[in-house]
Amino acid sequence: MRKDIEVIREYCPKVKRYVIRTDSYGCSLGFLNMLFEEAKKDFPNLKTEEAFIKNYAGVRYARTFGIEFQVEGSVPEGYRDIPNLEYTL
């Protein structure tokens, strides 16, 4: 991962879903694997079939990719609450 890319960690309590994304337009398999590995740092038992690739279409994340997933338990430190999930394509 480039050092100038910040990984963004969010949680939407309304739907109990986590979002891992960046503010870049990365979309390669390597980029998506990096997002998944970042999620695994906080959720070591997360399986690939539990994470969903999202192509965002809304105002804030337009044309960027991220992953979303649901995990039971308390929200780890470092996750920012968001009121709603962003629209996706």
PDB file of N, CA and C in Angstrom:
ATOM      1  N   MET A   1       0.849  -1.180   0.000  1.00  0.00           N
ATOM      2  CA  MET A   1       0.000   0.000   0.000  1.00  0.00           C
ATOM      3  C   MET A   1       0.889   1.236   0.000  1.00  0.00           C
ATOM      4  N   ARG A   2       0.508   2.220  -0.796  1.00  0.00           N
ATOM      5  CA  ARG A   2       1.248   3.482  -0.788  1.00  0.00           C
ATOM      6  C   ARG A   2       1.131   4.139   0.576  1.00  0.00           C
ATOM      7  N   LYS A   3       2.178   4.796   0.994  1.00  0.00           N
ATOM      8  CA  LYS A   3       2.184   5.418   2.315  1.00  0.00           C
ATOM      9  C   LYS A   3       1.251   6.613   2.400  1.00  0.00           C
ATOM     10  N   ASP A   4       0.882   7.206   1.261  1.00  0.00           N
ATOM     11  CA  ASP A   4       0.014   8.378   1.290  1.00  0.00           C
ATOM     12  C   ASP A   4      -1.475   8.011   1.260  1.00  0.00           C
ATOM     13  N   ILE A   5      -1.798   6.719   1.254  1.00  0.00           N
ATOM     14  CA  ILE A   5      -3.192   6.286   1.270  1.00  0.00           C
ATOM     15  C   ILE A   5      -3.588   5.950   2.702  1.00  0.00           C
ATOM     16  N   GLU A   6      -4.623   6.611   3.176  1.00  0.00           N
ATOM     17  CA  GLU A   6      -5.130   6.366   4.524  1.00  0.00           C
ATOM     18  C   GLU A   6      -6.272   5.357   4.460  1.00  0.00           C
ATOM     19  N   VAL A   7      -6.198   4.320   5.276  1.00  0.00           N
ATOM     20  CA  VAL A   7      -7.281   3.356   5.383  1.00  0.00           C
ATOM     21  C   VAL A   7      -8.344   3.952   6.303  1.00  0.00           C
ATOM     22  N   ILE A   8      -9.580   3.958   5.824  1.00  0.00           N
ATOM     23  CA  ILE A   8     -10.692   4.539   6.569  1.00  0.00           C
ATOM     24  C   ILE A   8     -11.546   3.390   7.106  1.00  0.00           C
ATOM     25  N   ARG A   9     -11.790   3.423   8.423  1.00  0.00           N
ATOM     26  CA  ARG A   9     -12.590   2.392   9.090  1.00  0.00           C
ATOM     27  C   ARG A   9     -13.871   3.033   9.605  1.00  0.00           C
ATOM     28  N   GLU A  10     -15.017   2.480   9.184  1.00  0.00           N
ATOM     29  CA  GLU A  10     -16.301   3.036   9.580  1.00  0.00           C
ATOM     30  C   GLU A  10     -17.237   1.914  10.041  1.00  0.00           C
ATOM     31  N   TYR A  11     -18.223   2.308  10.828  1.00  0.00           N
ATOM     32  CA  TYR A  11     -19.239   1.366  11.299  1.00  0.00           C
ATOM     33  C   TYR A  11     -20.593   2.051  11.229  1.00  0.00           C
ATOM     34  N   CYS A  12     -21.581   1.357  10.663  1.00  0.00           N
ATOM     35  CA  CYS A  12     -22.939   1.874  10.566  1.00  0.00           C
ATOM     36  C   CYS A  12     -23.813   1.094  11.552  1.00  0.00           C
ATOM     37  N   PRO A  13     -24.111   1.684  12.724  1.00  0.00           N
ATOM     38  CA  PRO A  13     -24.895   0.971  13.726  1.00  0.00           C
ATOM     39  C   PRO A  13     -26.307   0.617  13.257  1.00  0.00           C
ATOM     40  N   LYS A  14     -26.855   1.412  12.344  1.00  0.00           N
ATOM     41  CA  LYS A  14     -28.214   1.172  11.862  1.00  0.00           C
ATOM     42  C   LYS A  14     -28.353  -0.220  11.237  1.00  0.00           C
ATOM     43  N   VAL A  15     -27.330  -0.649  10.494  1.00  0.00           N
ATOM     44  CA  VAL A  15     -27.373  -1.955   9.828  1.00  0.00           C
ATOM     45  C   VAL A  15     -26.291  -2.906  10.344  1.00  0.00           C
ATOM     46  N   LYS A  16     -25.544  -2.451  11.358  1.00  0.00           N
ATOM     47  CA  LYS A  16     -24.483  -3.258  11.977  1.00  0.00           C
ATOM     48  C   LYS A  16     -23.478  -3.776  10.960  1.00  0.00           C
ATOM     49  N   ARG A  17     -22.989  -2.848  10.123  1.00  0.00           N
ATOM     50  CA  ARG A  17     -22.062  -3.210   9.053  1.00  0.00           C
ATOM     51  C   ARG A  17     -20.816  -2.330   9.135  1.00  0.00           C
ATOM     52  N   TYR A  18     -19.673  -2.979   8.927  1.00  0.00           N
ATOM     53  CA  TYR A  18     -18.387  -2.293   8.897  1.00  0.00           C
ATOM     54  C   TYR A  18     -18.015  -1.955   7.459  1.00  0.00           C
ATOM     55  N   VAL A  19     -17.292  -0.855   7.295  1.00  0.00           N
ATOM     56  CA  VAL A  19     -16.794  -0.416   5.995  1.00  0.00           C
ATOM     57  C   VAL A  19     -15.292  -0.181   6.137  1.00  0.00           C
ATOM     58  N   ILE A  20     -14.521  -0.770   5.228  1.00  0.00           N
ATOM     59  CA  ILE A  20     -13.085  -0.498   5.144  1.00  0.00           C
ATOM     60  C   ILE A  20     -12.852   0.041   3.734  1.00  0.00           C
ATOM     61  N   ARG A  21     -12.296   1.246   3.632  1.00  0.00           N
ATOM     62  CA  ARG A  21     -12.102   1.871   2.334  1.00  0.00           C
ATOM     63  C   ARG A  21     -10.938   2.841   2.429  1.00  0.00           C
ATOM     64  N   THR A  22     -10.636   3.481   1.318  1.00  0.00           N
ATOM     65  CA  THR A  22      -9.647   4.567   1.301  1.00  0.00           C
ATOM     66  C   THR A  22     -10.261   5.715   0.513  1.00  0.00           C
ATOM     67  N   ASP A  23      -9.534   6.791   0.402  1.00  0.00           N
ATOM     68  CA  ASP A  23     -10.011   7.905  -0.425  1.00  0.00           C
ATOM     69  C   ASP A  23      -9.389   7.865  -1.815  1.00  0.00           C
ATOM     70  N   SER A  24      -8.846   6.701  -2.197  1.00  0.00           N
ATOM     71  CA  SER A  24      -8.235   6.560  -3.516  1.00  0.00           C
ATOM     72  C   SER A  24      -9.175   5.791  -4.443  1.00  0.00           C
ATOM     73  N   TYR A  25      -8.796   5.707  -5.700  1.00  0.00           N
ATOM     74  CA  TYR A  25      -9.619   5.007  -6.686  1.00  0.00           C
ATOM     75  C   TYR A  25      -9.090   3.616  -6.996  1.00  0.00           C
ATOM     76  N   GLY A  26      -8.315   3.041  -6.079  1.00  0.00           N
ATOM     77  CA  GLY A  26      -7.775   1.702  -6.284  1.00  0.00           C
ATOM     78  C   GLY A  26      -8.878   0.672  -6.488  1.00  0.00           C
ATOM     79  N   CYS A  27      -8.625  -0.275  -7.378  1.00  0.00           N
ATOM     80  CA  CYS A  27      -9.627  -1.314  -7.638  1.00  0.00           C
ATOM     81  C   CYS A  27      -8.985  -2.642  -8.027  1.00  0.00           C
ATOM     82  N   SER A  28      -7.675  -2.747  -7.908  1.00  0.00           N
ATOM     83  CA  SER A  28      -7.004  -3.994  -8.282  1.00  0.00           C
ATOM     84  C   SER A  28      -7.265  -5.064  -7.220  1.00  0.00           C
ATOM     85  N   LEU A  29      -7.012  -6.293  -7.588  1.00  0.00           N
ATOM     86  CA  LEU A  29      -7.146  -7.384  -6.633  1.00  0.00           C
ATOM     87  C   LEU A  29      -6.207  -7.165  -5.452  1.00  0.00           C
ATOM     88  N   GLY A  30      -5.006  -6.684  -5.725  1.00  0.00           N
ATOM     89  CA  GLY A  30      -4.066  -6.384  -4.657  1.00  0.00           C
ATOM     90  C   GLY A  30      -4.603  -5.338  -3.691  1.00  0.00           C
ATOM     91  N   PHE A  31      -5.240  -4.303  -4.232  1.00  0.00           N
ATOM     92  CA  PHE A  31      -5.836  -3.253  -3.413  1.00  0.00           C
ATOM     93  C   PHE A  31      -6.940  -3.831  -2.529  1.00  0.00           C
ATOM     94  N   LEU A  32      -7.826  -4.630  -3.131  1.00  0.00           N
ATOM     95  CA  LEU A  32      -8.930  -5.219  -2.368  1.00  0.00           C
ATOM     96  C   LEU A  32      -8.421  -6.207  -1.327  1.00  0.00           C
ATOM     97  N   ASN A  33      -7.376  -6.954  -1.664  1.00  0.00           N
ATOM     98  CA  ASN A  33      -6.762  -7.856  -0.679  1.00  0.00           C
ATOM     99  C   ASN A  33      -6.177  -7.059   0.486  1.00  0.00           C
ATOM    100  N   MET A  34      -5.586  -5.906   0.185  1.00  0.00           N
ATOM    101  CA  MET A  34      -5.042  -5.052   1.236  1.00  0.00           C
ATOM    102  C   MET A  34      -6.151  -4.601   2.188  1.00  0.00           C
ATOM    103  N   LEU A  35      -7.310  -4.222   1.636  1.00  0.00           N
ATOM    104  CA  LEU A  35      -8.438  -3.823   2.485  1.00  0.00           C
ATOM    105  C   LEU A  35      -8.877  -4.981   3.366  1.00  0.00           C
ATOM    106  N   PHE A  36      -8.922  -6.181   2.788  1.00  0.00           N
ATOM    107  CA  PHE A  36      -9.320  -7.352   3.557  1.00  0.00           C
ATOM    108  C   PHE A  36      -8.300  -7.639   4.671  1.00  0.00           C
ATOM    109  N   GLU A  37      -7.027  -7.513   4.376  1.00  0.00           N
ATOM    110  CA  GLU A  37      -5.995  -7.738   5.390  1.00  0.00           C
ATOM    111  C   GLU A  37      -6.089  -6.696   6.511  1.00  0.00           C
ATOM    112  N   GLU A  38      -6.453  -5.470   6.170  1.00  0.00           N
ATOM    113  CA  GLU A  38      -6.670  -4.445   7.192  1.00  0.00           C
ATOM    114  C   GLU A  38      -7.837  -4.843   8.094  1.00  0.00           C
ATOM    115  N   ALA A  39      -8.916  -5.358   7.512  1.00  0.00           N
ATOM    116  CA  ALA A  39     -10.064  -5.814   8.298  1.00  0.00           C
ATOM    117  C   ALA A  39      -9.665  -6.959   9.223  1.00  0.00           C
ATOM    118  N   LYS A  40      -8.816  -7.855   8.720  1.00  0.00           N
ATOM    119  CA  LYS A  40      -8.388  -9.011   9.510  1.00  0.00           C
ATOM    120  C   LYS A  40      -7.543  -8.609  10.721  1.00  0.00           C
ATOM    121  N   LYS A  41      -6.918  -7.450  10.679  1.00  0.00           N
ATOM    122  CA  LYS A  41      -6.171  -6.976  11.845  1.00  0.00           C
ATOM    123  C   LYS A  41      -7.102  -6.781  13.034  1.00  0.00           C
ATOM    124  N   ASP A  42      -8.327  -6.312  12.765  1.00  0.00           N
ATOM    125  CA  ASP A  42      -9.312  -6.071  13.826  1.00  0.00           C
ATOM    126  C   ASP A  42     -10.229  -7.270  14.051  1.00  0.00           C
ATOM    127  N   PHE A  43     -10.407  -8.092  13.016  1.00  0.00           N
ATOM    128  CA  PHE A  43     -11.311  -9.239  13.078  1.00  0.00           C
ATOM    129  C   PHE A  43     -10.596 -10.468  12.505  1.00  0.00           C
ATOM    130  N   PRO A  44      -9.712 -11.085  13.280  1.00  0.00           N
ATOM    131  CA  PRO A  44      -8.883 -12.179  12.769  1.00  0.00           C
ATOM    132  C   PRO A  44      -9.667 -13.376  12.230  1.00  0.00           C
ATOM    133  N   ASN A  45     -10.881 -13.564  12.681  1.00  0.00           N
ATOM    134  CA  ASN A  45     -11.686 -14.708  12.233  1.00  0.00           C
ATOM    135  C   ASN A  45     -12.541 -14.404  11.007  1.00  0.00           C
ATOM    136  N   LEU A  46     -12.435 -13.193  10.460  1.00  0.00           N
ATOM    137  CA  LEU A  46     -13.208 -12.820   9.278  1.00  0.00           C
ATOM    138  C   LEU A  46     -12.808 -13.694   8.092  1.00  0.00           C
ATOM    139  N   LYS A  47     -13.807 -14.245   7.419  1.00  0.00           N
ATOM    140  CA  LYS A  47     -13.558 -15.095   6.251  1.00  0.00           C
ATOM    141  C   LYS A  47     -13.836 -14.309   4.976  1.00  0.00           C
ATOM    142  N   THR A  48     -13.172 -14.681   3.895  1.00  0.00           N
ATOM    143  CA  THR A  48     -13.350 -13.958   2.626  1.00  0.00           C
ATOM    144  C   THR A  48     -14.804 -13.951   2.179  1.00  0.00           C
ATOM    145  N   GLU A  49     -15.528 -15.034   2.426  1.00  0.00           N
ATOM    146  CA  GLU A  49     -16.934 -15.093   1.989  1.00  0.00           C
ATOM    147  C   GLU A  49     -17.851 -14.184   2.811  1.00  0.00           C
ATOM    148  N   GLU A  50     -17.339 -13.595   3.880  1.00  0.00           N
ATOM    149  CA  GLU A  50     -18.132 -12.692   4.711  1.00  0.00           C
ATOM    150  C   GLU A  50     -17.917 -11.222   4.329  1.00  0.00           C
ATOM    151  N   ALA A  51     -16.964 -10.949   3.464  1.00  0.00           N
ATOM    152  CA  ALA A  51     -16.648  -9.579   3.051  1.00  0.00           C
ATOM    153  C   ALA A  51     -17.161  -9.358   1.630  1.00  0.00           C
ATOM    154  N   PHE A  52     -17.766  -8.208   1.417  1.00  0.00           N
ATOM    155  CA  PHE A  52     -18.365  -7.880   0.125  1.00  0.00           C
ATOM    156  C   PHE A  52     -17.674  -6.674  -0.485  1.00  0.00           C
ATOM    157  N   ILE A  53     -17.293  -6.799  -1.746  1.00  0.00           N
ATOM    158  CA  ILE A  53     -16.669  -5.698  -2.486  1.00  0.00           C
ATOM    159  C   ILE A  53     -17.771  -4.736  -2.901  1.00  0.00           C
ATOM    160  N   LYS A  54     -17.560  -3.462  -2.628  1.00  0.00           N
ATOM    161  CA  LYS A  54     -18.551  -2.438  -2.970  1.00  0.00           C
ATOM    162  C   LYS A  54     -17.915  -1.381  -3.859  1.00  0.00           C
ATOM    163  N   ASN A  55     -18.635  -1.018  -4.907  1.00  0.00           N
ATOM    164  CA  ASN A  55     -18.261   0.101  -5.779  1.00  0.00           C
ATOM    165  C   ASN A  55     -19.231   1.216  -5.439  1.00  0.00           C
ATOM    166  N   TYR A  56     -18.732   2.254  -4.796  1.00  0.00           N
ATOM    167  CA  TYR A  56     -19.601   3.301  -4.278  1.00  0.00           C
ATOM    168  C   TYR A  56     -20.014   4.286  -5.357  1.00  0.00           C
ATOM    169  N   ALA A  57     -21.258   4.743  -5.239  1.00  0.00           N
ATOM    170  CA  ALA A  57     -21.831   5.631  -6.245  1.00  0.00           C
ATOM    171  C   ALA A  57     -22.327   6.938  -5.655  1.00  0.00           C
ATOM    172  N   GLY A  58     -22.329   7.057  -4.371  1.00  0.00           N
ATOM    173  CA  GLY A  58     -22.913   8.214  -3.716  1.00  0.00           C
ATOM    174  C   GLY A  58     -22.039   9.453  -3.773  1.00  0.00           C
ATOM    175  N   VAL A  59     -22.460  10.437  -3.044  1.00  0.00           N
ATOM    176  CA  VAL A  59     -21.810  11.741  -3.054  1.00  0.00           C
ATOM    177  C   VAL A  59     -20.423  11.699  -2.421  1.00  0.00           C
ATOM    178  N   ARG A  60     -20.300  11.084  -1.256  1.00  0.00           N
ATOM    179  CA  ARG A  60     -19.034  11.141  -0.514  1.00  0.00           C
ATOM    180  C   ARG A  60     -17.961  10.213  -1.052  1.00  0.00           C
ATOM    181  N   TYR A  61     -18.332   9.021  -1.562  1.00  0.00           N
ATOM    182  CA  TYR A  61     -17.341   8.012  -1.944  1.00  0.00           C
ATOM    183  C   TYR A  61     -17.318   7.769  -3.456  1.00  0.00           C
ATOM    184  N   ALA A  62     -17.943   8.590  -4.242  1.00  0.00           N
ATOM    185  CA  ALA A  62     -18.177   8.329  -5.670  1.00  0.00           C
ATOM    186  C   ALA A  62     -16.985   7.694  -6.383  1.00  0.00           C
ATOM    187  N   ARG A  63     -17.241   6.578  -7.062  1.00  0.00           N
ATOM    188  CA  ARG A  63     -16.301   5.859  -7.926  1.00  0.00           C
ATOM    189  C   ARG A  63     -15.140   5.207  -7.167  1.00  0.00           C
ATOM    190  N   THR A  64     -15.265   5.052  -5.859  1.00  0.00           N
ATOM    191  CA  THR A  64     -14.229   4.358  -5.102  1.00  0.00           C
ATOM    192  C   THR A  64     -14.720   2.966  -4.727  1.00  0.00           C
ATOM    193  N   PHE A  65     -13.784   2.104  -4.337  1.00  0.00           N
ATOM    194  CA  PHE A  65     -14.113   0.740  -3.919  1.00  0.00           C
ATOM    195  C   PHE A  65     -13.787   0.565  -2.443  1.00  0.00           C
ATOM    196  N   GLY A  66     -14.488  -0.347  -1.824  1.00  0.00           N
ATOM    197  CA  GLY A  66     -14.224  -0.705  -0.440  1.00  0.00           C
ATOM    198  C   GLY A  66     -14.790  -2.085  -0.173  1.00  0.00           C
ATOM    199  N   ILE A  67     -14.663  -2.519   1.064  1.00  0.00           N
ATOM    200  CA  ILE A  67     -15.292  -3.771   1.456  1.00  0.00           C
ATOM    201  C   ILE A  67     -16.220  -3.487   2.633  1.00  0.00           C
ATOM    202  N   GLU A  68     -17.272  -4.294   2.736  1.00  0.00           N
ATOM    203  CA  GLU A  68     -18.215  -4.203   3.839  1.00  0.00           C
ATOM    204  C   GLU A  68     -18.440  -5.602   4.394  1.00  0.00           C
ATOM    205  N   PHE A  69     -18.699  -5.663   5.703  1.00  0.00           N
ATOM    206  CA  PHE A  69     -18.928  -6.954   6.347  1.00  0.00           C
ATOM    207  C   PHE A  69     -19.635  -6.724   7.682  1.00  0.00           C
ATOM    208  N   GLN A  70     -20.204  -7.799   8.214  1.00  0.00           N
ATOM    209  CA  GLN A  70     -20.869  -7.764   9.510  1.00  0.00           C
ATOM    210  C   GLN A  70     -20.175  -8.749  10.437  1.00  0.00           C
ATOM    211  N   VAL A  71     -19.918  -8.308  11.662  1.00  0.00           N
ATOM    212  CA  VAL A  71     -19.281  -9.133  12.677  1.00  0.00           C
ATOM    213  C   VAL A  71     -19.967  -8.804  14.003  1.00  0.00           C
ATOM    214  N   GLU A  72     -20.299  -9.820  14.767  1.00  0.00           N
ATOM    215  CA  GLU A  72     -20.910  -9.626  16.080  1.00  0.00           C
ATOM    216  C   GLU A  72     -19.860  -9.140  17.082  1.00  0.00           C
ATOM    217  N   GLY A  73     -20.314  -8.470  18.113  1.00  0.00           N
ATOM    218  CA  GLY A  73     -19.418  -8.029  19.171  1.00  0.00           C
ATOM    219  C   GLY A  73     -19.251  -6.523  19.192  1.00  0.00           C
ATOM    220  N   SER A  74     -18.384  -6.065  20.068  1.00  0.00           N
ATOM    221  CA  SER A  74     -18.180  -4.631  20.224  1.00  0.00           C
ATOM    222  C   SER A  74     -17.332  -4.075  19.077  1.00  0.00           C
ATOM    223  N   VAL A  75     -17.546  -2.813  18.816  1.00  0.00           N
ATOM    224  CA  VAL A  75     -16.828  -2.120  17.738  1.00  0.00           C
ATOM    225  C   VAL A  75     -15.421  -1.781  18.223  1.00  0.00           C
ATOM    226  N   PRO A  76     -14.402  -2.215  17.489  1.00  0.00           N
ATOM    227  CA  PRO A  76     -13.029  -1.905  17.906  1.00  0.00           C
ATOM    228  C   PRO A  76     -12.738  -0.404  17.853  1.00  0.00           C
ATOM    229  N   GLU A  77     -11.743  -0.007  18.595  1.00  0.00           N
ATOM    230  CA  GLU A  77     -11.300   1.378  18.580  1.00  0.00           C
ATOM    231  C   GLU A  77     -10.811   1.735  17.181  1.00  0.00           C
ATOM    232  N   GLY A  78     -11.059   2.967  16.780  1.00  0.00           N
ATOM    233  CA  GLY A  78     -10.579   3.429  15.484  1.00  0.00           C
ATOM    234  C   GLY A  78     -11.642   3.434  14.400  1.00  0.00           C
ATOM    235  N   TYR A  79     -12.837   2.957  14.700  1.00  0.00           N
ATOM    236  CA  TYR A  79     -13.925   2.959  13.723  1.00  0.00           C
ATOM    237  C   TYR A  79     -14.830   4.149  13.987  1.00  0.00           C
ATOM    238  N   ARG A  80     -15.091   4.906  12.943  1.00  0.00           N
ATOM    239  CA  ARG A  80     -15.953   6.089  13.039  1.00  0.00           C
ATOM    240  C   ARG A  80     -17.378   5.673  12.711  1.00  0.00           C
ATOM    241  N   ASP A  81     -18.333   6.054  13.567  1.00  0.00           N
ATOM    242  CA  ASP A  81     -19.741   5.778  13.291  1.00  0.00           C
ATOM    243  C   ASP A  81     -20.223   6.632  12.129  1.00  0.00           C
ATOM    244  N   ILE A  82     -20.979   6.008  11.246  1.00  0.00           N
ATOM    245  CA  ILE A  82     -21.621   6.723  10.143  1.00  0.00           C
ATOM    246  C   ILE A  82     -23.123   6.461  10.229  1.00  0.00           C
ATOM    247  N   PRO A  83     -23.957   7.447   9.876  1.00  0.00           N
ATOM    248  CA  PRO A  83     -25.408   7.270  10.032  1.00  0.00           C
ATOM    249  C   PRO A  83     -26.031   6.318   9.017  1.00  0.00           C
ATOM    250  N   ASN A  84     -25.456   6.236   7.825  1.00  0.00           N
ATOM    251  CA  ASN A  84     -25.989   5.396   6.755  1.00  0.00           C
ATOM    252  C   ASN A  84     -24.846   4.887   5.895  1.00  0.00           C
ATOM    253  N   LEU A  85     -25.113   3.789   5.201  1.00  0.00           N
ATOM    254  CA  LEU A  85     -24.146   3.315   4.217  1.00  0.00           C
ATOM    255  C   LEU A  85     -24.287   4.150   2.959  1.00  0.00           C
ATOM    256  N   GLU A  86     -23.204   4.273   2.229  1.00  0.00           N
ATOM    257  CA  GLU A  86     -23.197   5.019   0.969  1.00  0.00           C
ATOM    258  C   GLU A  86     -23.888   4.198  -0.110  1.00  0.00           C
ATOM    259  N   TYR A  87     -24.459   4.855  -1.096  1.00  0.00           N
ATOM    260  CA  TYR A  87     -25.052   4.159  -2.243  1.00  0.00           C
ATOM    261  C   TYR A  87     -23.973   3.400  -3.003  1.00  0.00           C
ATOM    262  N   THR A  88     -24.351   2.277  -3.572  1.00  0.00           N
ATOM    263  CA  THR A  88     -23.400   1.474  -4.356  1.00  0.00           C
ATOM    264  C   THR A  88     -23.960   1.227  -5.752  1.00  0.00           C
ATOM    265  N   LEU A  89     -23.056   0.889  -6.675  1.00  0.00           N
ATOM    266  CA  LEU A  89     -23.464   0.520  -8.028  1.00  0.00           C
ATOM    267  C   LEU A  89     -23.890  -0.914  -8.055  1.00  0.00           C
TER     268      LEU A  89
END
